[in-house]
Protein backbone atom coordinates (compact mmCIF):
# COMPACT_ATOMS: atom_id res chain seq x y z
CA UNK A 1 -80.67 73.93 241.73
CA UNK A 2 -79.45 71.31 239.27
CA UNK A 3 -80.59 70.87 235.63
CA UNK A 4 -79.88 67.43 234.27
CA UNK A 5 -79.21 68.65 230.74
CA UNK A 6 -76.73 71.21 231.94
CA UNK A 7 -74.98 68.73 234.20
CA UNK A 8 -74.51 66.45 231.23
CA UNK A 9 -73.35 69.47 229.15
CA UNK A 10 -70.71 70.21 231.81
CA UNK A 11 -69.39 66.82 231.66
CA UNK A 12 -69.11 66.82 227.75
CA UNK A 13 -67.47 70.23 228.11
CA UNK A 14 -64.73 68.84 230.51
CA UNK A 15 -64.27 66.03 227.81
CA UNK A 16 -63.86 68.69 225.06
CA UNK A 17 -61.19 70.50 227.37
CA UNK A 18 -59.41 67.27 227.79
CA UNK A 19 -59.38 66.69 223.95
CA UNK A 20 -57.97 70.22 223.43
CA UNK A 21 -55.17 69.47 225.87
CA UNK A 22 -54.46 66.04 224.71
CA UNK A 23 -54.28 67.07 221.11
CA UNK A 24 -55.26 64.24 218.86
CA UNK A 25 -53.21 64.21 215.76
CA UNK A 26 -50.76 66.90 217.12
CA UNK A 27 -47.80 66.75 219.41
CA UNK A 28 -46.85 70.13 221.08
CA UNK A 29 -43.46 68.62 222.08
CA UNK A 30 -42.59 67.55 218.49
CA UNK A 31 -44.77 69.67 216.10
CA UNK A 32 -43.15 68.11 213.09
CA UNK A 33 -44.56 64.58 213.77
CA UNK A 34 -47.95 65.65 212.46
CA UNK A 35 -46.89 68.78 210.65
CA UNK A 36 -48.22 67.93 207.04
CA UNK A 37 -51.17 69.88 205.87
CA UNK A 38 -54.02 67.33 206.17
CA UNK A 39 -53.04 66.43 209.67
CA UNK A 40 -52.78 70.11 210.72
CA UNK A 41 -56.20 70.72 209.41
CA UNK A 42 -57.66 67.62 211.06
CA UNK A 43 -56.08 68.42 214.58
CA UNK A 44 -56.92 72.11 214.20
CA UNK A 45 -60.56 71.30 213.39
CA UNK A 46 -60.88 68.93 216.32
CA UNK A 47 -59.29 71.55 218.53
CA UNK A 48 -61.68 74.27 217.46
CA UNK A 49 -64.85 72.19 217.51
CA UNK A 50 -64.21 71.76 221.30
CA UNK A 51 -64.08 75.50 221.97
CA UNK A 52 -67.59 75.63 223.12
CA UNK A 53 -66.45 74.18 226.52
CA UNK A 54 -65.13 77.11 228.48
CA UNK A 55 -67.72 79.55 227.38
CA UNK A 56 -70.35 77.08 228.54
CA UNK A 57 -68.60 76.82 231.93
CA UNK A 58 -68.63 80.61 232.33
CA UNK A 59 -72.27 80.83 231.38
CA UNK A 60 -73.22 78.24 233.83
CA UNK A 61 -71.41 80.21 236.60
CA UNK A 62 -73.14 83.42 235.91
CA UNK A 63 -76.55 81.56 235.49
CA UNK A 64 -76.40 79.67 238.82
CA UNK A 65 -74.78 82.38 240.81
CA UNK A 66 -77.31 85.33 239.89
CA UNK A 67 -80.06 84.56 242.33
CA UNK A 68 -77.84 84.82 245.30
CA UNK A 69 -76.18 88.02 244.01
CA UNK A 70 -79.62 89.60 243.60
CA UNK A 71 -81.06 88.65 247.06
CA UNK A 72 -77.93 88.63 249.34
CA UNK A 73 -75.03 90.83 249.88
CA UNK A 74 -73.28 90.53 246.49
CA UNK A 75 -69.70 90.98 247.84
CA UNK A 76 -70.28 88.66 250.48
CA UNK A 77 -71.63 86.09 247.91
CA UNK A 78 -68.61 86.64 245.84
CA UNK A 79 -66.22 86.12 248.59
CA UNK A 80 -67.80 82.85 249.78
CA UNK A 81 -67.82 81.67 246.14
CA UNK A 82 -64.28 82.81 245.26
CA UNK A 83 -62.27 81.84 248.32
CA UNK A 84 -62.61 78.11 247.79
CA UNK A 85 -61.52 78.52 244.18
CA UNK A 86 -58.59 80.60 245.14
CA UNK A 87 -57.50 78.07 247.65
CA UNK A 88 -57.88 75.32 244.95
CA UNK A 89 -56.01 77.41 242.39
CA UNK A 90 -52.91 77.83 244.97
CA UNK A 91 -52.97 74.21 246.08
CA UNK A 92 -52.98 72.88 242.46
CA UNK A 93 -50.33 75.45 241.52
CA UNK A 94 -48.03 74.00 244.21
CA UNK A 95 -48.91 70.35 243.12
CA UNK A 96 -47.88 71.18 239.46
CA UNK A 97 -44.68 72.93 240.50
CA UNK A 98 -43.71 70.11 242.82
CA UNK A 99 -44.52 66.96 240.94
CA UNK A 100 -41.99 65.99 238.32
CA UNK A 101 -43.43 65.99 234.62
CA UNK A 102 -40.91 63.06 234.12
CA UNK A 103 -40.61 61.00 237.21
CA UNK A 104 -38.06 58.83 235.64
CA UNK A 105 -35.76 61.88 235.17
CA UNK A 106 -36.30 62.73 238.77
CA UNK A 107 -34.90 59.23 239.71
CA UNK A 108 -32.11 59.41 237.48
CA UNK A 109 -31.01 62.95 237.71
CA UNK A 110 -32.31 63.91 241.12
CA UNK A 111 -35.58 65.61 242.20
CA UNK A 112 -34.45 69.27 242.06
CA UNK A 113 -32.27 68.76 238.83
CA UNK A 114 -35.40 67.29 237.05
CA UNK A 115 -37.57 70.35 238.08
CA UNK A 116 -35.37 73.11 236.80
CA UNK A 117 -36.24 72.71 233.26
CA UNK A 118 -39.96 72.16 234.27
CA UNK A 119 -39.80 75.45 236.32
CA UNK A 120 -38.49 77.26 233.34
CA UNK A 121 -41.41 76.22 231.34
CA UNK A 122 -44.07 76.95 234.11
CA UNK A 123 -42.55 80.27 235.41
CA UNK A 124 -40.76 81.62 232.33
CA UNK A 125 -43.48 84.25 231.60
CA UNK A 126 -43.89 86.33 234.63
CA UNK A 127 -46.16 88.82 232.81
CA UNK A 128 -48.70 86.19 232.32
CA UNK A 129 -47.90 83.72 234.86
CA UNK A 130 -49.57 85.36 237.85
CA UNK A 131 -52.89 84.94 235.94
CA UNK A 132 -52.26 81.34 235.33
CA UNK A 133 -50.46 79.69 238.21
CA UNK A 134 -48.44 76.52 238.26
CA UNK A 135 -49.93 75.00 234.95
CA UNK A 136 -51.29 76.38 231.86
CA UNK A 137 -54.94 75.24 232.18
CA UNK A 138 -55.39 76.76 235.77
CA UNK A 139 -55.95 80.20 234.20
CA UNK A 140 -59.61 79.27 234.30
CA UNK A 141 -59.74 79.68 238.17
CA UNK A 142 -58.36 83.12 238.63
CA UNK A 143 -60.25 84.36 235.59
CA UNK A 144 -63.60 83.07 237.21
CA UNK A 145 -62.64 84.68 240.49
CA UNK A 146 -61.85 88.11 238.93
CA UNK A 147 -64.96 87.94 236.90
CA UNK A 148 -67.31 87.00 239.82
CA UNK A 149 -65.81 89.91 241.86
CA UNK A 150 -66.33 92.37 239.04
CA UNK A 151 -69.89 91.03 238.59
CA UNK A 152 -70.65 91.30 242.35
CA UNK A 153 -69.33 94.86 242.51
CA UNK A 154 -71.70 95.79 239.57
CA UNK A 155 -74.42 94.39 241.66
CA UNK A 156 -73.32 96.10 244.70
CA UNK A 157 -73.52 99.45 242.74
CA UNK A 158 -76.99 98.50 241.55
CA UNK A 159 -75.79 98.39 237.94
CA UNK A 160 -75.66 94.72 236.93
CA UNK A 161 -75.94 95.77 233.27
CA UNK A 162 -72.37 97.63 233.68
CA UNK A 163 -70.89 94.18 233.81
CA UNK A 164 -72.31 93.53 230.31
CA UNK A 165 -70.85 96.61 228.78
CA UNK A 166 -67.62 96.25 230.59
CA UNK A 167 -67.28 92.60 229.59
CA UNK A 168 -68.07 93.55 225.92
CA UNK A 169 -65.34 96.20 225.94
CA UNK A 170 -62.81 93.70 227.40
CA UNK A 171 -64.02 90.94 224.95
CA UNK A 172 -63.24 93.24 221.89
CA UNK A 173 -60.01 94.45 223.44
CA UNK A 174 -58.94 90.66 223.90
CA UNK A 175 -59.76 89.81 220.31
CA UNK A 176 -57.83 92.91 219.23
CA UNK A 177 -54.74 91.87 221.18
CA UNK A 178 -55.11 88.11 220.44
CA UNK A 179 -56.60 86.31 217.44
CA UNK A 180 -57.18 89.50 215.41
CA UNK A 181 -53.94 91.23 216.30
CA UNK A 182 -51.76 89.91 213.44
CA UNK A 183 -54.07 91.39 210.66
CA UNK A 184 -55.03 94.41 212.59
CA UNK A 185 -52.02 95.40 214.67
CA UNK A 186 -49.12 93.33 213.15
CA UNK A 187 -48.30 91.43 216.21
CA UNK A 188 -50.07 90.14 219.37
CA UNK A 189 -49.88 91.85 222.75
CA UNK A 190 -47.39 90.33 225.31
CA UNK A 191 -50.37 90.15 227.69
CA UNK A 192 -52.16 87.01 226.94
CA UNK A 193 -55.90 88.15 226.73
CA UNK A 194 -57.30 84.61 227.27
CA UNK A 195 -56.48 85.13 230.94
CA UNK A 196 -58.20 87.21 233.35
CA UNK A 197 -61.53 88.81 232.92
CA UNK A 198 -61.12 89.74 229.24
CA UNK A 199 -63.25 86.93 227.74
CA UNK A 200 -64.73 85.54 230.72
CA UNK A 201 -66.67 88.65 232.06
CA UNK A 202 -69.06 88.84 229.23
CA UNK A 203 -70.04 85.16 229.43
CA UNK A 204 -70.64 85.23 233.21
CA UNK A 205 -72.51 88.55 232.90
CA UNK A 206 -74.72 87.04 229.93
CA UNK A 207 -75.37 83.82 232.23
CA UNK A 208 -76.51 86.19 235.03
CA UNK A 209 -78.77 88.21 232.56
CA UNK A 210 -80.32 85.12 231.22
CA UNK A 211 -81.11 83.91 234.56
CA UNK A 212 -82.44 87.38 235.62
CA UNK A 213 -84.79 87.47 232.70
CA UNK A 214 -85.86 83.89 233.17
CA UNK A 215 -84.98 82.92 229.55
CA UNK A 216 -86.78 79.88 228.42
CA UNK A 217 -85.86 79.34 224.74
CA UNK A 218 -87.42 76.61 222.57
CA UNK A 219 -85.14 73.98 220.88
CA UNK A 220 -85.34 75.80 217.60
CA UNK A 221 -84.09 79.05 218.94
CA UNK A 222 -81.20 77.18 220.67
CA UNK A 223 -80.20 75.33 217.33
CA UNK A 224 -80.36 78.66 215.26
CA UNK A 225 -78.09 80.53 217.62
CA UNK A 226 -75.81 77.48 217.91
CA UNK A 227 -75.50 77.05 214.00
CA UNK A 228 -75.06 80.65 213.37
CA UNK A 229 -72.38 80.68 216.12
CA UNK A 230 -70.52 77.67 214.68
CA UNK A 231 -70.79 79.07 211.20
CA UNK A 232 -69.53 82.55 212.15
CA UNK A 233 -66.66 80.99 214.27
CA UNK A 234 -65.63 78.94 211.33
CA UNK A 235 -65.65 81.76 208.85
CA UNK A 236 -63.55 83.77 211.31
CA UNK A 237 -61.00 80.95 211.90
CA UNK A 238 -60.78 80.23 208.11
CA UNK A 239 -60.36 83.89 207.14
CA UNK A 240 -57.74 84.63 209.90
CA UNK A 241 -55.65 81.59 208.67
CA UNK A 242 -56.18 82.24 204.80
CA UNK A 243 -55.56 85.96 204.89
CA UNK A 244 -53.37 86.49 207.96
CA UNK A 245 -51.71 83.12 208.57
CA UNK A 246 -53.05 82.65 211.98
CA UNK A 247 -53.14 79.05 212.96
CA UNK A 248 -56.40 77.39 213.70
CA UNK A 249 -55.19 76.29 217.26
CA UNK A 250 -54.52 80.00 218.21
CA UNK A 251 -58.09 80.76 219.02
CA UNK A 252 -59.64 80.36 222.45
CA UNK A 253 -62.56 82.63 221.65
CA UNK A 254 -63.88 84.41 218.61
CA UNK A 255 -66.97 86.53 217.96
CA UNK A 256 -68.76 83.30 216.95
CA UNK A 257 -68.17 82.03 220.46
CA UNK A 258 -71.11 84.02 221.79
CA UNK A 259 -73.96 82.90 219.83
CA UNK A 260 -72.45 79.43 219.67
CA UNK A 261 -72.16 79.19 223.56
CA UNK A 262 -75.58 80.83 223.97
CA UNK A 263 -77.36 78.59 221.60
CA UNK A 264 -75.86 75.40 223.25
CA UNK A 265 -76.82 76.72 226.66
CA UNK A 266 -80.37 77.51 225.26
CA UNK A 267 -80.67 73.91 223.93
CA UNK A 268 -79.93 72.44 227.23
CA UNK A 269 -82.45 74.79 229.00
CA UNK A 270 -85.08 73.88 226.34
CA UNK A 271 -84.48 70.10 227.20
CA UNK A 272 -83.81 70.21 230.94
CA UNK A 273 -84.67 66.41 231.52
CA UNK A 274 -82.16 65.29 228.88
CA UNK A 275 -79.68 62.82 230.35
CA UNK A 276 -81.52 62.66 233.68
CA UNK A 277 -80.29 59.64 235.74
CA UNK A 278 -77.64 58.88 233.21
CA UNK A 279 -74.00 57.98 233.67
CA UNK A 280 -73.09 61.50 232.35
CA UNK A 281 -75.08 63.30 235.00
CA UNK A 282 -73.55 61.10 237.72
CA UNK A 283 -70.01 62.45 236.76
CA UNK A 284 -71.10 66.11 236.96
CA UNK A 285 -69.77 66.58 240.59
CA UNK A 286 -66.36 65.38 239.45
CA UNK A 287 -65.99 68.17 236.74
CA UNK A 288 -63.95 70.73 238.76
CA UNK A 289 -61.66 68.11 240.26
CA UNK A 290 -61.08 66.49 236.86
CA UNK A 291 -60.31 69.86 235.51
CA UNK A 292 -57.66 70.47 238.07
CA UNK A 293 -56.00 67.09 237.98
CA UNK A 294 -56.10 65.95 234.20
CA UNK A 295 -53.24 68.17 232.98
CA UNK A 296 -50.66 66.17 234.88
CA UNK A 297 -52.06 62.91 233.16
CA UNK A 298 -51.76 64.80 229.76
CA UNK A 299 -48.10 65.52 230.29
CA UNK A 300 -47.56 61.87 231.30
CA UNK A 301 -49.17 60.57 228.27
CA UNK A 302 -46.92 62.63 226.09
CA UNK A 303 -43.82 61.64 227.99
CA UNK A 304 -44.44 57.99 228.33
CA UNK A 305 -46.65 57.36 225.23
CA UNK A 306 -45.36 56.34 221.71
CA UNK A 307 -42.96 59.07 220.35
CA UNK A 308 -43.56 58.22 216.75
CA UNK A 309 -46.59 58.80 214.67
CA UNK A 310 -49.41 56.34 215.44
CA UNK A 311 -52.87 56.69 214.38
CA UNK A 312 -54.11 54.20 216.75
CA UNK A 313 -52.52 56.08 219.70
CA UNK A 314 -53.93 59.37 218.55
CA UNK A 315 -57.38 57.89 218.52
CA UNK A 316 -56.84 56.19 221.94
CA UNK A 317 -55.39 59.27 223.69
CA UNK A 318 -58.88 60.91 224.65
CA UNK A 319 -60.44 57.78 226.06
CA UNK A 320 -57.30 56.83 227.98
CA UNK A 321 -57.07 60.29 229.34
CA UNK A 322 -60.81 60.26 230.35
CA UNK A 323 -60.38 56.82 232.00
CA UNK A 324 -57.09 57.56 233.87
CA UNK A 325 -58.73 60.86 235.02
CA UNK A 326 -61.79 59.11 236.53
CA UNK A 327 -59.44 56.59 238.17
CA UNK A 328 -57.09 59.31 239.70
CA UNK A 329 -60.24 61.15 240.92
CA UNK A 330 -61.49 58.03 242.57
CA UNK A 331 -58.13 57.37 244.28
CA UNK A 332 -57.82 60.93 245.50
CA UNK A 333 -61.51 61.07 246.63
CA UNK A 334 -60.92 57.79 248.73
CA UNK A 335 -58.56 59.75 251.14
CA UNK A 336 -59.78 62.45 253.50
CA UNK A 337 -56.58 64.54 252.92
CA UNK A 338 -56.41 64.44 249.07
CA UNK A 339 -60.18 64.61 248.89
CA UNK A 340 -59.85 68.32 249.41
CA UNK A 341 -58.08 68.70 246.04
CA UNK A 342 -61.12 67.86 244.25
CA UNK A 343 -63.88 70.32 245.42
CA UNK A 344 -64.63 73.66 246.84
CA UNK A 345 -66.86 72.50 249.80
């Protein structure tokens, strides 16, 4: 089952993820480059406006998986769904561990010598690394796998609503140990609560619930939820920065993420024909592959791009990343061996 508006929404979501990672008007390798107040606000606002993306992905996963969980053996469904994702995660983790971030250093210093510093960055946090893999963005795949397994177990027990309550508890714990940790606890937990099922379970379970109840919102309901969510999220982010000094870019999820994502999802459901036959819809099958491959291109843009402050470069980074990701996808898809890196079937 494919819904044109949701397919287009998924493509916009992957573009938002790419925008977060390529960091317009910010440089994670040289924070001082755009470190003044106005640039920090601009980059932080862009970053946070893109935070609808991953919640939307999780909602979609639960929504489209629910019918199979309810009519087939849930654990079998979960295994068939998760096994290809696990393989994709393992293979891409190896790719990111074995491909040099700076190929020129690999030529000049030697392959293994160039990888030593890279491995320290990738493997230097063993507590969180096992929930992430070979590159920071790959956390999404094990999080989805764990969440689907937990949801399937709740269906197997005949208690699908249990996933909602468990997800809510984990969500609040994740906020307590993450974005809200500084004002409430004094410091964040060593365990990065973005990873694993902490945030993801509630969104996937909500997606499944919406499908189970055959939710058919109108556009007005979707807009109301979305605007309430964005307003709540913005108030949270502002208050945490103003009163507790928590940077804008610290937040992956907040309380406002819930109505924001559900409202956006409702808008897409209310307009199922939106984008039908468009270029956006045709890119939807590439979303997972682009998610996996784009981070290497992000690194290369930072390594080989201008090292000074250039407004034109900052504006160009997102379209350059999108274009190079689509080109790389096309090149990998053209070969039978590398084609397997891009999809789960």
